[in-house]
Amino acid sequence: MADLLSDEEIETELPDHWEREDDEIVRVYEFDDYLRGVNFAQMVGEIAEAQFHHPEIIIRYSGVEIRLTSHEEGGITEDDIEMADLIESERGA
């Protein structure tokens, strides 16, 4: 099990454009059309399977919301930050 991060660690390590909402880190990605968002959500799902760390993914018409938390630990851990970083690196690729 991973250790919960402190408030200071979360603030320092949170990737750009991600926000903290209680025990989750959240980002909404905007897309010009629905299918681009669906394709992005699929890519996130593939990363999640490889990492065995599964976010909540909400697909909307022009955006995809990603929510990360470590349920077993009851909050935000390094696994969540790492997953956010991986999503960011793939989004920029």
N, C-alpha and C. Protein backbone atom coordinates (compact mmCIF):
# COMPACT_ATOMS: atom_id res chain seq x y z
N MET A 1 0.83 -1.19 0.00
CA MET A 1 0.00 0.00 0.00
C MET A 1 0.87 1.25 0.00
N ALA A 2 0.43 2.23 -0.75
CA ALA A 2 1.15 3.49 -0.81
C ALA A 2 0.70 4.40 0.33
N ASP A 3 1.60 5.26 0.76
CA ASP A 3 1.28 6.20 1.82
C ASP A 3 0.52 7.40 1.26
N LEU A 4 -0.40 7.91 2.05
CA LEU A 4 -1.10 9.14 1.66
C LEU A 4 -0.12 10.29 1.63
N LEU A 5 -0.29 11.18 0.67
CA LEU A 5 0.55 12.37 0.58
C LEU A 5 0.00 13.45 1.50
N SER A 6 0.89 14.26 2.03
CA SER A 6 0.47 15.40 2.85
C SER A 6 -0.08 16.49 1.93
N ASP A 7 -0.78 17.46 2.51
CA ASP A 7 -1.29 18.58 1.73
C ASP A 7 -0.17 19.29 0.99
N GLU A 8 0.97 19.46 1.67
CA GLU A 8 2.11 20.15 1.06
C GLU A 8 2.68 19.35 -0.11
N GLU A 9 2.78 18.04 0.06
CA GLU A 9 3.30 17.19 -1.02
C GLU A 9 2.37 17.23 -2.23
N ILE A 10 1.07 17.18 -1.99
CA ILE A 10 0.11 17.24 -3.09
C ILE A 10 0.25 18.56 -3.84
N GLU A 11 0.31 19.66 -3.11
CA GLU A 11 0.43 20.98 -3.73
C GLU A 11 1.71 21.08 -4.56
N THR A 12 2.80 20.55 -4.06
CA THR A 12 4.09 20.62 -4.74
C THR A 12 4.14 19.72 -5.97
N GLU A 13 3.57 18.51 -5.88
CA GLU A 13 3.72 17.51 -6.92
C GLU A 13 2.59 17.52 -7.96
N LEU A 14 1.50 18.20 -7.69
CA LEU A 14 0.35 18.20 -8.60
C LEU A 14 0.76 18.76 -9.95
N PRO A 15 0.53 18.02 -11.03
CA PRO A 15 0.90 18.52 -12.36
C PRO A 15 0.09 19.78 -12.73
N ASP A 16 0.64 20.56 -13.64
CA ASP A 16 -0.06 21.75 -14.13
C ASP A 16 -1.43 21.36 -14.67
N HIS A 17 -2.40 22.22 -14.47
CA HIS A 17 -3.77 22.09 -14.95
C HIS A 17 -4.61 21.07 -14.18
N TRP A 18 -4.02 20.40 -13.19
CA TRP A 18 -4.76 19.49 -12.33
C TRP A 18 -5.14 20.25 -11.07
N GLU A 19 -6.29 19.89 -10.50
CA GLU A 19 -6.76 20.52 -9.27
C GLU A 19 -7.08 19.46 -8.25
N ARG A 20 -6.98 19.86 -7.01
CA ARG A 20 -7.37 18.96 -5.93
C ARG A 20 -8.81 19.25 -5.55
N GLU A 21 -9.61 18.19 -5.44
CA GLU A 21 -10.97 18.29 -4.93
C GLU A 21 -11.11 17.23 -3.85
N ASP A 22 -11.00 17.67 -2.62
CA ASP A 22 -11.07 16.77 -1.46
C ASP A 22 -10.00 15.67 -1.57
N ASP A 23 -10.43 14.42 -1.69
CA ASP A 23 -9.48 13.30 -1.73
C ASP A 23 -9.19 12.82 -3.15
N GLU A 24 -9.39 13.71 -4.13
CA GLU A 24 -9.14 13.37 -5.53
C GLU A 24 -8.34 14.48 -6.19
N ILE A 25 -7.63 14.10 -7.27
CA ILE A 25 -7.07 15.11 -8.16
C ILE A 25 -7.83 14.99 -9.47
N VAL A 26 -8.10 16.16 -10.10
CA VAL A 26 -9.05 16.23 -11.20
C VAL A 26 -8.52 17.12 -12.31
N ARG A 27 -8.78 16.71 -13.53
CA ARG A 27 -8.52 17.57 -14.69
C ARG A 27 -9.58 17.31 -15.73
N VAL A 28 -10.01 18.39 -16.41
CA VAL A 28 -10.91 18.29 -17.55
C VAL A 28 -10.11 18.64 -18.79
N TYR A 29 -10.11 17.74 -19.76
CA TYR A 29 -9.46 17.96 -21.05
C TYR A 29 -10.53 18.35 -22.05
N GLU A 30 -10.28 19.42 -22.80
CA GLU A 30 -11.24 19.91 -23.78
C GLU A 30 -10.86 19.40 -25.18
N PHE A 31 -11.90 19.08 -25.97
CA PHE A 31 -11.69 18.58 -27.33
C PHE A 31 -12.64 19.27 -28.29
N ASP A 32 -12.23 19.36 -29.56
CA ASP A 32 -13.04 20.00 -30.58
C ASP A 32 -14.25 19.16 -30.98
N ASP A 33 -14.13 17.84 -30.84
CA ASP A 33 -15.27 17.00 -31.17
C ASP A 33 -15.32 15.79 -30.26
N TYR A 34 -16.48 15.20 -30.22
CA TYR A 34 -16.79 14.11 -29.29
C TYR A 34 -15.85 12.91 -29.46
N LEU A 35 -15.61 12.48 -30.70
CA LEU A 35 -14.80 11.28 -30.91
C LEU A 35 -13.35 11.44 -30.47
N ARG A 36 -12.82 12.65 -30.57
CA ARG A 36 -11.45 12.87 -30.06
C ARG A 36 -11.41 12.63 -28.55
N GLY A 37 -12.44 13.07 -27.86
CA GLY A 37 -12.52 12.83 -26.43
C GLY A 37 -12.67 11.35 -26.11
N VAL A 38 -13.47 10.65 -26.88
CA VAL A 38 -13.64 9.21 -26.68
C VAL A 38 -12.31 8.49 -26.90
N ASN A 39 -11.58 8.86 -27.95
CA ASN A 39 -10.27 8.25 -28.21
C ASN A 39 -9.30 8.53 -27.07
N PHE A 40 -9.33 9.75 -26.55
CA PHE A 40 -8.47 10.10 -25.42
C PHE A 40 -8.83 9.25 -24.20
N ALA A 41 -10.12 9.09 -23.93
CA ALA A 41 -10.56 8.28 -22.79
C ALA A 41 -10.08 6.84 -22.94
N GLN A 42 -10.10 6.32 -24.16
CA GLN A 42 -9.61 4.96 -24.39
C GLN A 42 -8.12 4.87 -24.08
N MET A 43 -7.35 5.89 -24.50
CA MET A 43 -5.92 5.90 -24.21
C MET A 43 -5.67 5.93 -22.71
N VAL A 44 -6.46 6.73 -21.99
CA VAL A 44 -6.33 6.79 -20.53
C VAL A 44 -6.64 5.41 -19.93
N GLY A 45 -7.65 4.76 -20.46
CA GLY A 45 -8.00 3.42 -19.98
C GLY A 45 -6.87 2.42 -20.19
N GLU A 46 -6.19 2.51 -21.31
CA GLU A 46 -5.06 1.62 -21.57
C GLU A 46 -3.90 1.89 -20.61
N ILE A 47 -3.63 3.15 -20.34
CA ILE A 47 -2.60 3.50 -19.35
C ILE A 47 -3.00 2.95 -17.99
N ALA A 48 -4.26 3.12 -17.64
CA ALA A 48 -4.77 2.66 -16.34
C ALA A 48 -4.60 1.15 -16.18
N GLU A 49 -4.89 0.41 -17.22
CA GLU A 49 -4.72 -1.05 -17.17
C GLU A 49 -3.26 -1.41 -16.96
N ALA A 50 -2.37 -0.74 -17.69
CA ALA A 50 -0.93 -1.02 -17.56
C ALA A 50 -0.42 -0.69 -16.16
N GLN A 51 -0.96 0.37 -15.56
CA GLN A 51 -0.52 0.81 -14.23
C GLN A 51 -1.32 0.13 -13.11
N PHE A 52 -2.38 -0.55 -13.46
CA PHE A 52 -3.32 -1.12 -12.50
C PHE A 52 -3.75 -0.06 -11.49
N HIS A 53 -4.11 1.11 -12.04
CA HIS A 53 -4.59 2.25 -11.24
C HIS A 53 -5.66 2.94 -12.07
N HIS A 54 -6.91 2.75 -11.71
CA HIS A 54 -8.03 3.09 -12.57
C HIS A 54 -8.76 4.36 -12.13
N PRO A 55 -8.73 5.39 -12.96
CA PRO A 55 -9.42 6.64 -12.63
C PRO A 55 -10.90 6.55 -12.96
N GLU A 56 -11.63 7.50 -12.47
CA GLU A 56 -13.00 7.72 -12.93
C GLU A 56 -12.87 8.59 -14.17
N ILE A 57 -13.52 8.18 -15.25
CA ILE A 57 -13.46 8.90 -16.52
C ILE A 57 -14.88 9.29 -16.90
N ILE A 58 -15.10 10.58 -17.08
CA ILE A 58 -16.42 11.08 -17.46
C ILE A 58 -16.29 11.73 -18.83
N ILE A 59 -16.99 11.16 -19.80
CA ILE A 59 -16.94 11.68 -21.17
C ILE A 59 -18.14 12.58 -21.39
N ARG A 60 -17.85 13.81 -21.81
CA ARG A 60 -18.90 14.76 -22.18
C ARG A 60 -18.74 15.12 -23.66
N TYR A 61 -19.65 15.91 -24.17
CA TYR A 61 -19.61 16.22 -25.60
C TYR A 61 -18.26 16.83 -26.02
N SER A 62 -17.77 17.81 -25.28
CA SER A 62 -16.54 18.48 -25.71
C SER A 62 -15.42 18.36 -24.68
N GLY A 63 -15.52 17.40 -23.78
CA GLY A 63 -14.48 17.26 -22.77
C GLY A 63 -14.50 15.91 -22.09
N VAL A 64 -13.38 15.60 -21.48
CA VAL A 64 -13.23 14.37 -20.70
C VAL A 64 -12.67 14.76 -19.34
N GLU A 65 -13.39 14.35 -18.30
CA GLU A 65 -12.94 14.62 -16.93
C GLU A 65 -12.29 13.36 -16.37
N ILE A 66 -11.10 13.55 -15.80
CA ILE A 66 -10.36 12.45 -15.17
C ILE A 66 -10.27 12.74 -13.68
N ARG A 67 -10.63 11.75 -12.86
CA ARG A 67 -10.56 11.86 -11.40
C ARG A 67 -9.72 10.71 -10.87
N LEU A 68 -8.70 11.07 -10.11
CA LEU A 68 -7.79 10.07 -9.54
C LEU A 68 -7.81 10.12 -8.02
N THR A 69 -7.85 8.96 -7.41
CA THR A 69 -7.70 8.79 -5.97
C THR A 69 -7.27 7.36 -5.71
N SER A 70 -6.69 7.12 -4.57
CA SER A 70 -6.31 5.76 -4.17
C SER A 70 -7.33 5.29 -3.14
N HIS A 71 -8.32 4.54 -3.62
CA HIS A 71 -9.45 4.15 -2.77
C HIS A 71 -9.03 3.35 -1.55
N GLU A 72 -8.13 2.39 -1.73
CA GLU A 72 -7.72 1.54 -0.60
C GLU A 72 -7.04 2.35 0.50
N GLU A 73 -6.30 3.40 0.11
CA GLU A 73 -5.60 4.22 1.09
C GLU A 73 -6.48 5.35 1.62
N GLY A 74 -7.55 5.64 0.92
CA GLY A 74 -8.48 6.67 1.37
C GLY A 74 -8.06 8.08 1.04
N GLY A 75 -7.34 8.27 -0.08
CA GLY A 75 -6.93 9.62 -0.45
C GLY A 75 -5.92 9.61 -1.58
N ILE A 76 -5.14 10.66 -1.64
CA ILE A 76 -4.19 10.88 -2.73
C ILE A 76 -2.82 10.35 -2.35
N THR A 77 -2.26 9.52 -3.26
CA THR A 77 -0.94 8.94 -3.05
C THR A 77 -0.04 9.27 -4.24
N GLU A 78 1.19 8.85 -4.15
CA GLU A 78 2.13 9.02 -5.25
C GLU A 78 1.62 8.32 -6.51
N ASP A 79 0.87 7.23 -6.36
CA ASP A 79 0.30 6.53 -7.52
C ASP A 79 -0.60 7.46 -8.34
N ASP A 80 -1.36 8.30 -7.67
CA ASP A 80 -2.25 9.24 -8.37
C ASP A 80 -1.45 10.29 -9.13
N ILE A 81 -0.43 10.82 -8.49
CA ILE A 81 0.43 11.82 -9.13
C ILE A 81 1.13 11.21 -10.34
N GLU A 82 1.63 9.99 -10.18
CA GLU A 82 2.32 9.31 -11.27
C GLU A 82 1.37 9.07 -12.45
N MET A 83 0.15 8.66 -12.15
CA MET A 83 -0.83 8.42 -13.20
C MET A 83 -1.16 9.73 -13.91
N ALA A 84 -1.33 10.81 -13.18
CA ALA A 84 -1.59 12.12 -13.79
C ALA A 84 -0.43 12.52 -14.70
N ASP A 85 0.80 12.30 -14.24
CA ASP A 85 1.97 12.62 -15.06
C ASP A 85 2.00 11.80 -16.35
N LEU A 86 1.66 10.52 -16.25
CA LEU A 86 1.62 9.66 -17.44
C LEU A 86 0.57 10.13 -18.43
N ILE A 87 -0.59 10.49 -17.94
CA ILE A 87 -1.65 11.00 -18.81
C ILE A 87 -1.19 12.27 -19.50
N GLU A 88 -0.57 13.16 -18.73
CA GLU A 88 -0.05 14.41 -19.33
C GLU A 88 0.99 14.14 -20.40
N SER A 89 1.90 13.22 -20.15
CA SER A 89 2.97 12.94 -21.13
C SER A 89 2.40 12.33 -22.40
N GLU A 90 1.39 11.47 -22.27
CA GLU A 90 0.78 10.88 -23.46
C GLU A 90 -0.08 11.89 -24.20
N ARG A 91 -0.72 12.76 -23.48
CA ARG A 91 -1.56 13.80 -24.11
C ARG A 91 -0.69 14.73 -24.95
N GLY A 92 0.51 15.02 -24.47
CA GLY A 92 1.40 15.92 -25.17
C GLY A 92 2.17 15.26 -26.31
N ALA A 93 2.13 13.92 -26.36
CA ALA A 93 2.92 13.18 -27.38
C ALA A 93 2.31 13.29 -28.75
